[in-house]
Amino acid sequence: MPSPERARLDGEYVLPLRWDHDAELAEQTAYLRELADVIDVTVVDGSDATAFAQHLETWPFVRHVAPMVGGRNGKARGAMTGIRLSRHEKLIIADDDVRYDRAALAAVLDRLGRSDFVRPQNVFSPAPWHARWDTGRSLLNRALGGDFSGTVALRRSALLVRGYDTDVLFENLELERTVAAGGGRVDVASDLYVMRRPADVRRFWEQRVRQAYDDWAQPLRLLRELALLPAIASLVRARSGRGLAVFAGTVVALAAVGRARAGGRAHFRATDCLWAVLWVLERSLTVWIAVLLRFRGGVRYRDGRIPRAATPLRTLRRTT
């Protein structure tokens, strides 16, 4: 009988991906091989035919399938396909830049014994400047209720019958709200840390407005962030150095609260709190661009536009 450390985990790992190039193929292959040694893995691959065939040949140790669900959001299509084809009740869904180790996999699956949906906390490793910039956002989110990461976990039975909308941009929030609307228990697991590799700088800049567009799914947050630019502009016009210092200090202090929560000091640098100021300045601009895009038909995603960020929870509850 295998030892508890070597026994396969009772769950399934779903990886939706769509690659335009295979620059990361060797590293991704090594990671998938490590995963497949401890948990069943399904890769839902929306890449073109040539890349799909290459991945199928390279990854014989995982189940490799094409998306079988329609929708505007390719990642959501992949996730829902994986959920429908899953062989286990407990599922972990992760972006291709997320890197679980065995301990984190086991911890997430254990939490699904008490919840229907688990939202872990990502930590960038390595952490170049643009990853630390994005970490500022994570710290503020942690202070205000919880961060959204590149991975979630759920019980298959909490979603399989109704599925979830694959035409929205903020697919993780849509998935979480759908589970909650059906009576599922959501665990915002700010104390459960999972490594994530940072995007390259080009991808980082591409994500700025797209992430701001997610605010359309959270109206109160949207209004709060729309107020940032007028507030900052008024302080600049008034040449109020003290006011700007108080504003920046408040942002840093709020980020420090997020860092202190749920053992975060062991995973985030103290100086990460300073990057939250840059992120707030960024969001004060990009949120207004997101508003303009809403009136132009939505934010660009791959070859089209997605107008909706996510479905309101009250709407989902009415249709349950």
C-alpha atoms as a PDB file:
ATOM      1  CA  MET A   1       0.000   0.000   0.000  1.00  0.00           C
ATOM      2  CA  PRO A   2       1.450   3.416  -0.936  1.00  0.00           C
ATOM      3  CA  SER A   3       2.303   5.810   1.866  1.00  0.00           C
ATOM      4  CA  PRO A   4      -0.068   8.778   2.427  1.00  0.00           C
ATOM      5  CA  GLU A   5       2.561  11.029   0.870  1.00  0.00           C
ATOM      6  CA  ARG A   6       2.579   8.969  -2.359  1.00  0.00           C
ATOM      7  CA  ALA A   7      -1.091   7.977  -2.617  1.00  0.00           C
ATOM      8  CA  ARG A   8      -2.981   9.608  -5.492  1.00  0.00           C
ATOM      9  CA  LEU A   9      -5.231  12.459  -4.501  1.00  0.00           C
ATOM     10  CA  ASP A  10      -8.987  12.023  -4.815  1.00  0.00           C
ATOM     11  CA  GLY A  11      -9.712  14.864  -7.183  1.00  0.00           C
ATOM     12  CA  GLU A  12      -9.173  16.169 -10.686  1.00  0.00           C
ATOM     13  CA  TYR A  13      -7.102  19.032 -12.071  1.00  0.00           C
ATOM     14  CA  VAL A  14      -8.642  20.897 -15.019  1.00  0.00           C
ATOM     15  CA  LEU A  15      -6.383  23.071 -17.145  1.00  0.00           C
ATOM     16  CA  PRO A  16      -8.082  25.196 -19.824  1.00  0.00           C
ATOM     17  CA  LEU A  17      -5.591  26.686 -22.268  1.00  0.00           C
ATOM     18  CA  ARG A  18      -5.288  28.229 -25.695  1.00  0.00           C
ATOM     19  CA  TRP A  19      -1.751  28.881 -26.857  1.00  0.00           C
ATOM     20  CA  ASP A  20      -0.618  30.977 -29.800  1.00  0.00           C
ATOM     21  CA  HIS A  21       2.944  29.688 -29.417  1.00  0.00           C
ATOM     22  CA  ASP A  22       4.751  26.902 -27.558  1.00  0.00           C
ATOM     23  CA  ALA A  23       7.552  28.885 -25.953  1.00  0.00           C
ATOM     24  CA  GLU A  24       6.618  27.482 -22.538  1.00  0.00           C
ATOM     25  CA  LEU A  25       5.996  23.925 -23.729  1.00  0.00           C
ATOM     26  CA  ALA A  26       8.946  22.288 -21.963  1.00  0.00           C
ATOM     27  CA  GLU A  27       8.215  23.932 -18.608  1.00  0.00           C
ATOM     28  CA  GLN A  28       4.480  23.228 -18.863  1.00  0.00           C
ATOM     29  CA  THR A  29       5.196  19.599 -19.778  1.00  0.00           C
ATOM     30  CA  ALA A  30       7.376  19.126 -16.715  1.00  0.00           C
ATOM     31  CA  TYR A  31       4.670  20.613 -14.499  1.00  0.00           C
ATOM     32  CA  LEU A  32       1.914  18.472 -16.000  1.00  0.00           C
ATOM     33  CA  ARG A  33       4.033  15.369 -15.534  1.00  0.00           C
ATOM     34  CA  GLU A  34       4.456  16.207 -11.834  1.00  0.00           C
ATOM     35  CA  LEU A  35       0.713  16.764 -11.495  1.00  0.00           C
ATOM     36  CA  ALA A  36      -0.184  13.543 -13.282  1.00  0.00           C
ATOM     37  CA  ASP A  37       1.909  11.590 -10.780  1.00  0.00           C
ATOM     38  CA  VAL A  38      -0.436  12.603  -7.938  1.00  0.00           C
ATOM     39  CA  ILE A  39      -3.818  13.587  -9.431  1.00  0.00           C
ATOM     40  CA  ASP A  40      -5.920  12.963 -12.546  1.00  0.00           C
ATOM     41  CA  VAL A  41      -5.434  15.793 -15.044  1.00  0.00           C
ATOM     42  CA  THR A  42      -7.657  17.003 -17.881  1.00  0.00           C
ATOM     43  CA  VAL A  43      -6.261  19.558 -20.321  1.00  0.00           C
ATOM     44  CA  VAL A  44      -8.939  21.326 -22.358  1.00  0.00           C
ATOM     45  CA  ASP A  45      -7.002  22.715 -25.299  1.00  0.00           C
ATOM     46  CA  GLY A  46      -8.447  25.435 -27.513  1.00  0.00           C
ATOM     47  CA  SER A  47      -5.242  25.907 -29.516  1.00  0.00           C
ATOM     48  CA  ASP A  48      -5.215  25.644 -33.307  1.00  0.00           C
ATOM     49  CA  ALA A  49      -5.058  22.232 -34.969  1.00  0.00           C
ATOM     50  CA  THR A  50      -1.273  22.158 -35.314  1.00  0.00           C
ATOM     51  CA  ALA A  51      -0.603  23.102 -31.702  1.00  0.00           C
ATOM     52  CA  PHE A  52      -3.372  20.798 -30.481  1.00  0.00           C
ATOM     53  CA  ALA A  53      -1.756  17.842 -32.256  1.00  0.00           C
ATOM     54  CA  GLN A  54       1.644  18.735 -30.814  1.00  0.00           C
ATOM     55  CA  HIS A  55       0.216  18.941 -27.285  1.00  0.00           C
ATOM     56  CA  LEU A  56      -1.634  15.648 -27.716  1.00  0.00           C
ATOM     57  CA  GLU A  57       1.625  13.941 -28.673  1.00  0.00           C
ATOM     58  CA  THR A  58       3.653  15.636 -25.922  1.00  0.00           C
ATOM     59  CA  TRP A  59       1.220  15.043 -23.053  1.00  0.00           C
ATOM     60  CA  PRO A  60       0.157  11.370 -23.279  1.00  0.00           C
ATOM     61  CA  PHE A  61       0.079  11.159 -19.463  1.00  0.00           C
ATOM     62  CA  VAL A  62      -2.978  13.464 -19.160  1.00  0.00           C
ATOM     63  CA  ARG A  63      -6.421  13.429 -20.720  1.00  0.00           C
ATOM     64  CA  HIS A  64      -6.251  15.955 -23.568  1.00  0.00           C
ATOM     65  CA  VAL A  65      -9.495  17.177 -25.173  1.00  0.00           C
ATOM     66  CA  ALA A  66     -10.873  20.085 -27.184  1.00  0.00           C
ATOM     67  CA  PRO A  67     -13.542  22.431 -25.770  1.00  0.00           C
ATOM     68  CA  MET A  68     -17.036  20.972 -26.161  1.00  0.00           C
ATOM     69  CA  VAL A  69     -18.989  23.982 -24.871  1.00  0.00           C
ATOM     70  CA  GLY A  70     -19.848  27.182 -26.737  1.00  0.00           C
ATOM     71  CA  GLY A  71     -19.360  30.728 -25.499  1.00  0.00           C
ATOM     72  CA  ARG A  72     -17.364  33.922 -25.998  1.00  0.00           C
ATOM     73  CA  ASN A  73     -14.896  33.267 -23.192  1.00  0.00           C
ATOM     74  CA  GLY A  74     -12.449  30.549 -24.158  1.00  0.00           C
ATOM     75  CA  LYS A  75     -11.245  29.964 -20.615  1.00  0.00           C
ATOM     76  CA  ALA A  76     -14.818  29.494 -19.393  1.00  0.00           C
ATOM     77  CA  ARG A  77     -15.538  27.131 -22.291  1.00  0.00           C
ATOM     78  CA  GLY A  78     -12.531  25.067 -21.283  1.00  0.00           C
ATOM     79  CA  ALA A  79     -13.457  25.056 -17.607  1.00  0.00           C
ATOM     80  CA  MET A  80     -17.051  23.990 -18.271  1.00  0.00           C
ATOM     81  CA  THR A  81     -15.878  21.259 -20.637  1.00  0.00           C
ATOM     82  CA  GLY A  82     -13.539  19.962 -17.945  1.00  0.00           C
ATOM     83  CA  ILE A  83     -16.303  20.039 -15.355  1.00  0.00           C
ATOM     84  CA  ARG A  84     -18.654  18.053 -17.572  1.00  0.00           C
ATOM     85  CA  LEU A  85     -16.010  15.451 -18.409  1.00  0.00           C
ATOM     86  CA  SER A  86     -14.593  15.194 -14.906  1.00  0.00           C
ATOM     87  CA  ARG A  87     -14.168  11.815 -13.252  1.00  0.00           C
ATOM     88  CA  HIS A  88     -14.150  13.120  -9.678  1.00  0.00           C
ATOM     89  CA  GLU A  89     -16.407  15.131  -7.380  1.00  0.00           C
ATOM     90  CA  LYS A  90     -13.639  17.483  -6.256  1.00  0.00           C
ATOM     91  CA  LEU A  91     -12.171  19.651  -9.002  1.00  0.00           C
ATOM     92  CA  ILE A  92      -9.355  22.173  -9.184  1.00  0.00           C
ATOM     93  CA  ILE A  93      -9.431  24.573 -12.144  1.00  0.00           C
ATOM     94  CA  ALA A  94      -6.282  26.569 -12.848  1.00  0.00           C
ATOM     95  CA  ASP A  95      -4.773  28.859 -15.469  1.00  0.00           C
ATOM     96  CA  ASP A  96      -1.649  27.661 -17.251  1.00  0.00           C
ATOM     97  CA  ASP A  97       0.574  29.957 -15.154  1.00  0.00           C
ATOM     98  CA  VAL A  98      -0.557  28.521 -11.788  1.00  0.00           C
ATOM     99  CA  ARG A  99       1.843  26.104 -10.091  1.00  0.00           C
ATOM    100  CA  TYR A 100       0.493  23.822  -7.366  1.00  0.00           C
ATOM    101  CA  ASP A 101       2.652  21.502  -5.322  1.00  0.00           C
ATOM    102  CA  ARG A 102       1.271  18.369  -3.709  1.00  0.00           C
ATOM    103  CA  ALA A 103       0.693  20.068  -0.353  1.00  0.00           C
ATOM    104  CA  ALA A 104      -1.369  22.852  -1.916  1.00  0.00           C
ATOM    105  CA  LEU A 105      -3.403  20.373  -3.977  1.00  0.00           C
ATOM    106  CA  ALA A 106      -4.166  18.323  -0.869  1.00  0.00           C
ATOM    107  CA  ALA A 107      -5.063  21.426   1.152  1.00  0.00           C
ATOM    108  CA  VAL A 108      -7.513  22.703  -1.468  1.00  0.00           C
ATOM    109  CA  LEU A 109      -9.167  19.302  -1.844  1.00  0.00           C
ATOM    110  CA  ASP A 110      -9.444  19.035   1.932  1.00  0.00           C
ATOM    111  CA  ARG A 111     -11.237  22.390   2.075  1.00  0.00           C
ATOM    112  CA  LEU A 112     -13.745  21.054  -0.440  1.00  0.00           C
ATOM    113  CA  GLY A 113     -14.735  18.572   2.233  1.00  0.00           C
ATOM    114  CA  ARG A 114     -16.326  21.502   4.080  1.00  0.00           C
ATOM    115  CA  SER A 115     -17.226  23.844   1.194  1.00  0.00           C
ATOM    116  CA  ASP A 116     -18.616  23.730  -2.314  1.00  0.00           C
ATOM    117  CA  PHE A 117     -16.273  26.365  -3.752  1.00  0.00           C
ATOM    118  CA  VAL A 118     -12.780  27.403  -2.670  1.00  0.00           C
ATOM    119  CA  ARG A 119     -10.951  30.532  -3.802  1.00  0.00           C
ATOM    120  CA  PRO A 120      -7.218  30.215  -2.935  1.00  0.00           C
ATOM    121  CA  GLN A 121      -4.691  33.049  -2.869  1.00  0.00           C
ATOM    122  CA  ASN A 122      -2.037  33.286  -5.570  1.00  0.00           C
ATOM    123  CA  VAL A 123       1.497  34.504  -4.870  1.00  0.00           C
ATOM    124  CA  PHE A 124       3.825  35.416  -7.723  1.00  0.00           C
ATOM    125  CA  SER A 125       7.127  33.545  -7.944  1.00  0.00           C
ATOM    126  CA  PRO A 126       9.400  34.895  -9.276  1.00  0.00           C
ATOM    127  CA  ALA A 127       8.292  38.468  -8.600  1.00  0.00           C
ATOM    128  CA  PRO A 128       9.687  40.969 -11.135  1.00  0.00           C
ATOM    129  CA  TRP A 129       8.544  44.591 -10.950  1.00  0.00           C
ATOM    130  CA  HIS A 130       5.292  44.099 -12.850  1.00  0.00           C
ATOM    131  CA  ALA A 131       4.345  41.110 -10.673  1.00  0.00           C
ATOM    132  CA  ARG A 132       4.865  43.250  -7.568  1.00  0.00           C
ATOM    133  CA  TRP A 133       2.721  45.966  -9.164  1.00  0.00           C
ATOM    134  CA  ASP A 134      -0.073  43.402  -9.500  1.00  0.00           C
ATOM    135  CA  THR A 135       0.627  42.182  -5.961  1.00  0.00           C
ATOM    136  CA  GLY A 136      -0.389  45.656  -4.777  1.00  0.00           C
ATOM    137  CA  ARG A 137      -3.836  44.917  -6.180  1.00  0.00           C
ATOM    138  CA  SER A 138      -3.928  41.568  -4.385  1.00  0.00           C
ATOM    139  CA  LEU A 139      -3.099  43.151  -1.038  1.00  0.00           C
ATOM    140  CA  LEU A 140      -5.847  45.750  -1.396  1.00  0.00           C
ATOM    141  CA  ASN A 141      -8.307  43.033  -2.386  1.00  0.00           C
ATOM    142  CA  ARG A 142      -7.323  40.988   0.668  1.00  0.00           C
ATOM    143  CA  ALA A 143      -7.974  44.006   2.891  1.00  0.00           C
ATOM    144  CA  LEU A 144     -11.402  44.516   1.324  1.00  0.00           C
ATOM    145  CA  GLY A 145     -12.684  40.959   1.498  1.00  0.00           C
ATOM    146  CA  GLY A 146     -10.565  38.651  -0.632  1.00  0.00           C
ATOM    147  CA  ASP A 147      -8.485  38.451  -3.796  1.00  0.00           C
ATOM    148  CA  PHE A 148      -9.415  36.728  -7.049  1.00  0.00           C
ATOM    149  CA  SER A 149      -6.710  34.448  -8.365  1.00  0.00           C
ATOM    150  CA  GLY A 150      -5.977  32.264 -11.358  1.00  0.00           C
ATOM    151  CA  THR A 151      -7.323  29.138  -9.716  1.00  0.00           C
ATOM    152  CA  VAL A 152     -10.499  27.970  -8.010  1.00  0.00           C
ATOM    153  CA  ALA A 153     -11.820  24.652  -6.744  1.00  0.00           C
ATOM    154  CA  LEU A 154     -15.357  23.323  -6.545  1.00  0.00           C
ATOM    155  CA  ARG A 155     -17.495  20.298  -6.009  1.00  0.00           C
ATOM    156  CA  ARG A 156     -18.751  18.972  -9.341  1.00  0.00           C
ATOM    157  CA  SER A 157     -22.255  18.384  -7.971  1.00  0.00           C
ATOM    158  CA  ALA A 158     -22.588  22.067  -7.036  1.00  0.00           C
ATOM    159  CA  LEU A 159     -22.543  23.113 -10.692  1.00  0.00           C
ATOM    160  CA  LEU A 160     -22.964  20.253 -13.124  1.00  0.00           C
ATOM    161  CA  VAL A 161     -26.754  20.344 -13.549  1.00  0.00           C
ATOM    162  CA  ARG A 162     -27.066  24.002 -14.500  1.00  0.00           C
ATOM    163  CA  GLY A 163     -23.554  24.874 -15.675  1.00  0.00           C
ATOM    164  CA  TYR A 164     -22.505  28.495 -15.804  1.00  0.00           C
ATOM    165  CA  ASP A 165     -22.496  31.331 -18.323  1.00  0.00           C
ATOM    166  CA  THR A 166     -19.487  31.143 -20.662  1.00  0.00           C
ATOM    167  CA  ASP A 167     -20.261  34.481 -22.357  1.00  0.00           C
ATOM    168  CA  VAL A 168     -18.926  36.694 -19.548  1.00  0.00           C
ATOM    169  CA  LEU A 169     -15.442  38.126 -19.001  1.00  0.00           C
ATOM    170  CA  PHE A 170     -14.982  37.546 -15.253  1.00  0.00           C
ATOM    171  CA  GLU A 171     -15.393  33.785 -15.453  1.00  0.00           C
ATOM    172  CA  ASN A 172     -14.154  32.924 -11.956  1.00  0.00           C
ATOM    173  CA  LEU A 173     -16.637  35.294 -10.323  1.00  0.00           C
ATOM    174  CA  GLU A 174     -19.431  33.962 -12.556  1.00  0.00           C
ATOM    175  CA  LEU A 175     -18.544  30.423 -11.506  1.00  0.00           C
ATOM    176  CA  GLU A 176     -18.428  31.359  -7.817  1.00  0.00           C
ATOM    177  CA  ARG A 177     -21.733  33.237  -7.960  1.00  0.00           C
ATOM    178  CA  THR A 178     -23.425  30.359  -9.770  1.00  0.00           C
ATOM    179  CA  VAL A 179     -22.372  27.934  -7.038  1.00  0.00           C
ATOM    180  CA  ALA A 180     -23.477  30.401  -4.323  1.00  0.00           C
ATOM    181  CA  ALA A 181     -26.823  31.020  -6.047  1.00  0.00           C
ATOM    182  CA  GLY A 182     -27.522  27.288  -5.861  1.00  0.00           C
ATOM    183  CA  GLY A 183     -26.950  27.301  -2.113  1.00  0.00           C
ATOM    184  CA  GLY A 184     -23.307  26.285  -2.181  1.00  0.00           C
ATOM    185  CA  ARG A 185     -20.883  27.355   0.528  1.00  0.00           C
ATOM    186  CA  VAL A 186     -18.017  29.576  -0.673  1.00  0.00           C
ATOM    187  CA  ASP A 187     -14.651  29.572   1.115  1.00  0.00           C
ATOM    188  CA  VAL A 188     -12.528  32.657   0.404  1.00  0.00           C
ATOM    189  CA  ALA A 189      -9.320  30.882   1.361  1.00  0.00           C
ATOM    190  CA  SER A 190      -6.983  33.839   1.901  1.00  0.00           C
ATOM    191  CA  ASP A 191      -4.780  31.599   4.057  1.00  0.00           C
ATOM    192  CA  LEU A 192      -4.218  29.012   1.318  1.00  0.00           C
ATOM    193  CA  TYR A 193      -1.336  30.126  -0.896  1.00  0.00           C
ATOM    194  CA  VAL A 194      -0.601  28.795  -4.379  1.00  0.00           C
ATOM    195  CA  MET A 195       2.313  29.886  -6.545  1.00  0.00           C
ATOM    196  CA  ARG A 196       1.709  31.660  -9.837  1.00  0.00           C
ATOM    197  CA  ARG A 197       4.260  32.509 -12.501  1.00  0.00           C
ATOM    198  CA  PRO A 198       4.070  36.121 -13.689  1.00  0.00           C
ATOM    199  CA  ALA A 199       3.058  37.003 -17.222  1.00  0.00           C
ATOM    200  CA  ASP A 200       5.608  38.723 -19.436  1.00  0.00           C
ATOM    201  CA  VAL A 201       5.589  42.517 -19.520  1.00  0.00           C
ATOM    202  CA  ARG A 202       3.637  42.706 -22.795  1.00  0.00           C
ATOM    203  CA  ARG A 203       0.887  40.510 -21.396  1.00  0.00           C
ATOM    204  CA  PHE A 204       0.888  42.520 -18.179  1.00  0.00           C
ATOM    205  CA  TRP A 205       0.089  45.734 -20.043  1.00  0.00           C
ATOM    206  CA  GLU A 206      -2.565  43.990 -22.142  1.00  0.00           C
ATOM    207  CA  GLN A 207      -4.386  42.948 -18.964  1.00  0.00           C
ATOM    208  CA  ARG A 208      -4.690  46.409 -17.421  1.00  0.00           C
ATOM    209  CA  VAL A 209      -7.948  47.518 -19.038  1.00  0.00           C
ATOM    210  CA  ARG A 210      -9.372  44.003 -19.184  1.00  0.00           C
ATOM    211  CA  GLN A 211      -9.011  43.638 -15.423  1.00  0.00           C
ATOM    212  CA  ALA A 212     -10.610  47.036 -14.888  1.00  0.00           C
ATOM    213  CA  TYR A 213     -13.565  45.934 -17.017  1.00  0.00           C
ATOM    214  CA  ASP A 214     -14.247  43.224 -14.428  1.00  0.00           C
ATOM    215  CA  ASP A 215     -15.501  46.037 -12.164  1.00  0.00           C
ATOM    216  CA  TRP A 216     -18.739  46.072 -14.147  1.00  0.00           C
ATOM    217  CA  ALA A 217     -19.552  42.890 -12.218  1.00  0.00           C
ATOM    218  CA  GLN A 218     -19.185  44.749  -8.889  1.00  0.00           C
ATOM    219  CA  PRO A 219     -21.090  48.069  -9.108  1.00  0.00           C
ATOM    220  CA  LEU A 220     -20.064  49.434  -5.709  1.00  0.00           C
ATOM    221  CA  ARG A 221     -16.418  48.788  -6.479  1.00  0.00           C
ATOM    222  CA  LEU A 222     -16.887  50.374  -9.902  1.00  0.00           C
ATOM    223  CA  LEU A 223     -18.291  53.562  -8.378  1.00  0.00           C
ATOM    224  CA  ARG A 224     -15.540  53.671  -5.769  1.00  0.00           C
ATOM    225  CA  GLU A 225     -12.840  53.372  -8.384  1.00  0.00           C
ATOM    226  CA  LEU A 226     -14.484  55.894 -10.713  1.00  0.00           C
ATOM    227  CA  ALA A 227     -14.205  58.385  -7.865  1.00  0.00           C
ATOM    228  CA  LEU A 228     -10.432  57.958  -7.660  1.00  0.00           C
ATOM    229  CA  LEU A 229      -9.468  60.054 -10.682  1.00  0.00           C
ATOM    230  CA  PRO A 230     -11.557  63.140  -9.719  1.00  0.00           C
ATOM    231  CA  ALA A 231     -10.221  62.935  -6.167  1.00  0.00           C
ATOM    232  CA  ILE A 232      -6.600  62.692  -7.294  1.00  0.00           C
ATOM    233  CA  ALA A 233      -7.089  65.450  -9.876  1.00  0.00           C
ATOM    234  CA  SER A 234      -8.560  67.795  -7.276  1.00  0.00           C
ATOM    235  CA  LEU A 235      -5.561  67.268  -4.999  1.00  0.00           C
ATOM    236  CA  VAL A 236      -3.170  67.912  -7.873  1.00  0.00           C
ATOM    237  CA  ARG A 237      -5.007  71.073  -8.918  1.00  0.00           C
ATOM    238  CA  ALA A 238      -4.943  72.306  -5.346  1.00  0.00           C
ATOM    239  CA  ARG A 239      -1.221  71.507  -5.186  1.00  0.00           C
ATOM    240  CA  SER A 240      -1.942  69.764  -1.931  1.00  0.00           C
ATOM    241  CA  GLY A 241       1.207  67.819  -1.224  1.00  0.00           C
ATOM    242  CA  ARG A 242      -0.118  66.929   2.181  1.00  0.00           C
ATOM    243  CA  GLY A 243      -3.386  65.668   0.726  1.00  0.00           C
ATOM    244  CA  LEU A 244      -1.553  63.503  -1.812  1.00  0.00           C
ATOM    245  CA  ALA A 245       0.691  62.154   0.938  1.00  0.00           C
ATOM    246  CA  VAL A 246      -2.331  61.295   3.079  1.00  0.00           C
ATOM    247  CA  PHE A 247      -3.982  59.618   0.087  1.00  0.00           C
ATOM    248  CA  ALA A 248      -0.885  57.534  -0.685  1.00  0.00           C
ATOM    249  CA  GLY A 249      -0.391  56.709   2.985  1.00  0.00           C
ATOM    250  CA  THR A 250      -3.969  55.486   3.258  1.00  0.00           C
ATOM    251  CA  VAL A 251      -3.486  53.190   0.265  1.00  0.00           C
ATOM    252  CA  VAL A 252      -0.260  51.773   1.710  1.00  0.00           C
ATOM    253  CA  ALA A 253      -1.890  51.264   5.116  1.00  0.00           C
ATOM    254  CA  LEU A 254      -4.814  49.433   3.536  1.00  0.00           C
ATOM    255  CA  ALA A 255      -2.402  47.197   1.604  1.00  0.00           C
ATOM    256  CA  ALA A 256      -0.577  46.507   4.877  1.00  0.00           C
ATOM    257  CA  VAL A 257      -3.866  45.300   6.368  1.00  0.00           C
ATOM    258  CA  GLY A 258      -4.211  42.896   3.440  1.00  0.00           C
ATOM    259  CA  ARG A 259      -0.650  41.688   3.895  1.00  0.00           C
ATOM    260  CA  ALA A 260      -1.229  41.048   7.610  1.00  0.00           C
ATOM    261  CA  ARG A 261      -4.350  38.958   7.072  1.00  0.00           C
ATOM    262  CA  ALA A 262      -4.307  35.172   7.123  1.00  0.00           C
ATOM    263  CA  GLY A 263      -0.554  34.815   7.516  1.00  0.00           C
ATOM    264  CA  GLY A 264       0.216  37.008   4.541  1.00  0.00           C
ATOM    265  CA  ARG A 265       3.418  38.427   6.026  1.00  0.00           C
ATOM    266  CA  ALA A 266       5.116  35.096   5.350  1.00  0.00           C
ATOM    267  CA  HIS A 267       4.278  35.331   1.638  1.00  0.00           C
ATOM    268  CA  PHE A 268       4.329  39.028   0.714  1.00  0.00           C
ATOM    269  CA  ARG A 269       7.150  41.543   1.146  1.00  0.00           C
ATOM    270  CA  ALA A 270       6.554  44.647   3.243  1.00  0.00           C
ATOM    271  CA  THR A 271       7.585  46.763   0.244  1.00  0.00           C
ATOM    272  CA  ASP A 272       4.801  45.161  -1.830  1.00  0.00           C
ATOM    273  CA  CYS A 273       2.474  47.544  -0.006  1.00  0.00           C
ATOM    274  CA  LEU A 274       4.142  50.497  -1.736  1.00  0.00           C
ATOM    275  CA  TRP A 275       3.273  49.094  -5.157  1.00  0.00           C
ATOM    276  CA  ALA A 276      -0.402  49.399  -4.251  1.00  0.00           C
ATOM    277  CA  VAL A 277      -0.114  53.156  -4.840  1.00  0.00           C
ATOM    278  CA  LEU A 278       0.960  52.604  -8.446  1.00  0.00           C
ATOM    279  CA  TRP A 279      -1.854  50.127  -8.940  1.00  0.00           C
ATOM    280  CA  VAL A 280      -4.429  52.626  -7.624  1.00  0.00           C
ATOM    281  CA  LEU A 281      -3.115  55.296 -10.010  1.00  0.00           C
ATOM    282  CA  GLU A 282      -3.360  52.794 -12.851  1.00  0.00           C
ATOM    283  CA  ARG A 283      -6.897  51.760 -11.945  1.00  0.00           C
ATOM    284  CA  SER A 284      -8.030  55.391 -11.595  1.00  0.00           C
ATOM    285  CA  LEU A 285      -7.370  55.703 -15.345  1.00  0.00           C
ATOM    286  CA  THR A 286      -8.209  52.258 -16.699  1.00  0.00           C
ATOM    287  CA  VAL A 287     -11.604  52.113 -15.003  1.00  0.00           C
ATOM    288  CA  TRP A 288     -12.706  55.119 -17.066  1.00  0.00           C
ATOM    289  CA  ILE A 289     -11.471  53.394 -20.211  1.00  0.00           C
ATOM    290  CA  ALA A 290     -13.532  50.365 -19.175  1.00  0.00           C
ATOM    291  CA  VAL A 291     -16.624  52.585 -18.955  1.00  0.00           C
ATOM    292  CA  LEU A 292     -16.032  53.908 -22.475  1.00  0.00           C
ATOM    293  CA  LEU A 293     -15.551  50.374 -23.785  1.00  0.00           C
ATOM    294  CA  ARG A 294     -18.886  49.315 -22.327  1.00  0.00           C
ATOM    295  CA  PHE A 295     -20.583  51.788 -24.653  1.00  0.00           C
ATOM    296  CA  ARG A 296     -18.530  50.517 -27.596  1.00  0.00           C
ATOM    297  CA  GLY A 297     -19.784  46.954 -27.190  1.00  0.00           C
ATOM    298  CA  GLY A 298     -17.473  45.595 -24.544  1.00  0.00           C
ATOM    299  CA  VAL A 299     -13.809  44.808 -23.968  1.00  0.00           C
ATOM    300  CA  ARG A 300     -11.819  43.065 -26.663  1.00  0.00           C
ATOM    301  CA  TYR A 301     -11.175  39.378 -25.968  1.00  0.00           C
ATOM    302  CA  ARG A 302      -9.295  37.342 -28.541  1.00  0.00           C
ATOM    303  CA  ASP A 303     -11.159  37.852 -31.827  1.00  0.00           C
ATOM    304  CA  GLY A 304     -14.257  39.587 -30.497  1.00  0.00           C
ATOM    305  CA  ARG A 305     -15.723  41.648 -27.680  1.00  0.00           C
ATOM    306  CA  ILE A 306     -17.382  40.627 -24.438  1.00  0.00           C
ATOM    307  CA  PRO A 307     -19.938  43.144 -23.131  1.00  0.00           C
ATOM    308  CA  ARG A 308     -20.794  41.527 -19.778  1.00  0.00           C
ATOM    309  CA  ALA A 309     -18.370  41.052 -16.898  1.00  0.00           C
ATOM    310  CA  ALA A 310     -20.568  38.695 -14.828  1.00  0.00           C
ATOM    311  CA  THR A 311     -24.185  38.034 -13.901  1.00  0.00           C
ATOM    312  CA  PRO A 312     -25.521  39.692 -10.703  1.00  0.00           C
ATOM    313  CA  LEU A 313     -25.996  37.210  -7.870  1.00  0.00           C
ATOM    314  CA  ARG A 314     -29.645  38.218  -7.416  1.00  0.00           C
ATOM    315  CA  THR A 315     -30.310  37.387 -11.083  1.00  0.00           C
ATOM    316  CA  LEU A 316     -28.737  33.960 -10.705  1.00  0.00           C
ATOM    317  CA  ARG A 317     -30.791  33.286  -7.599  1.00  0.00           C
ATOM    318  CA  ARG A 318     -33.999  34.137  -9.420  1.00  0.00           C
ATOM    319  CA  THR A 319     -33.190  31.637 -12.145  1.00  0.00           C
ATOM    320  CA  THR A 320     -32.100  28.829  -9.817  1.00  0.00           C
END
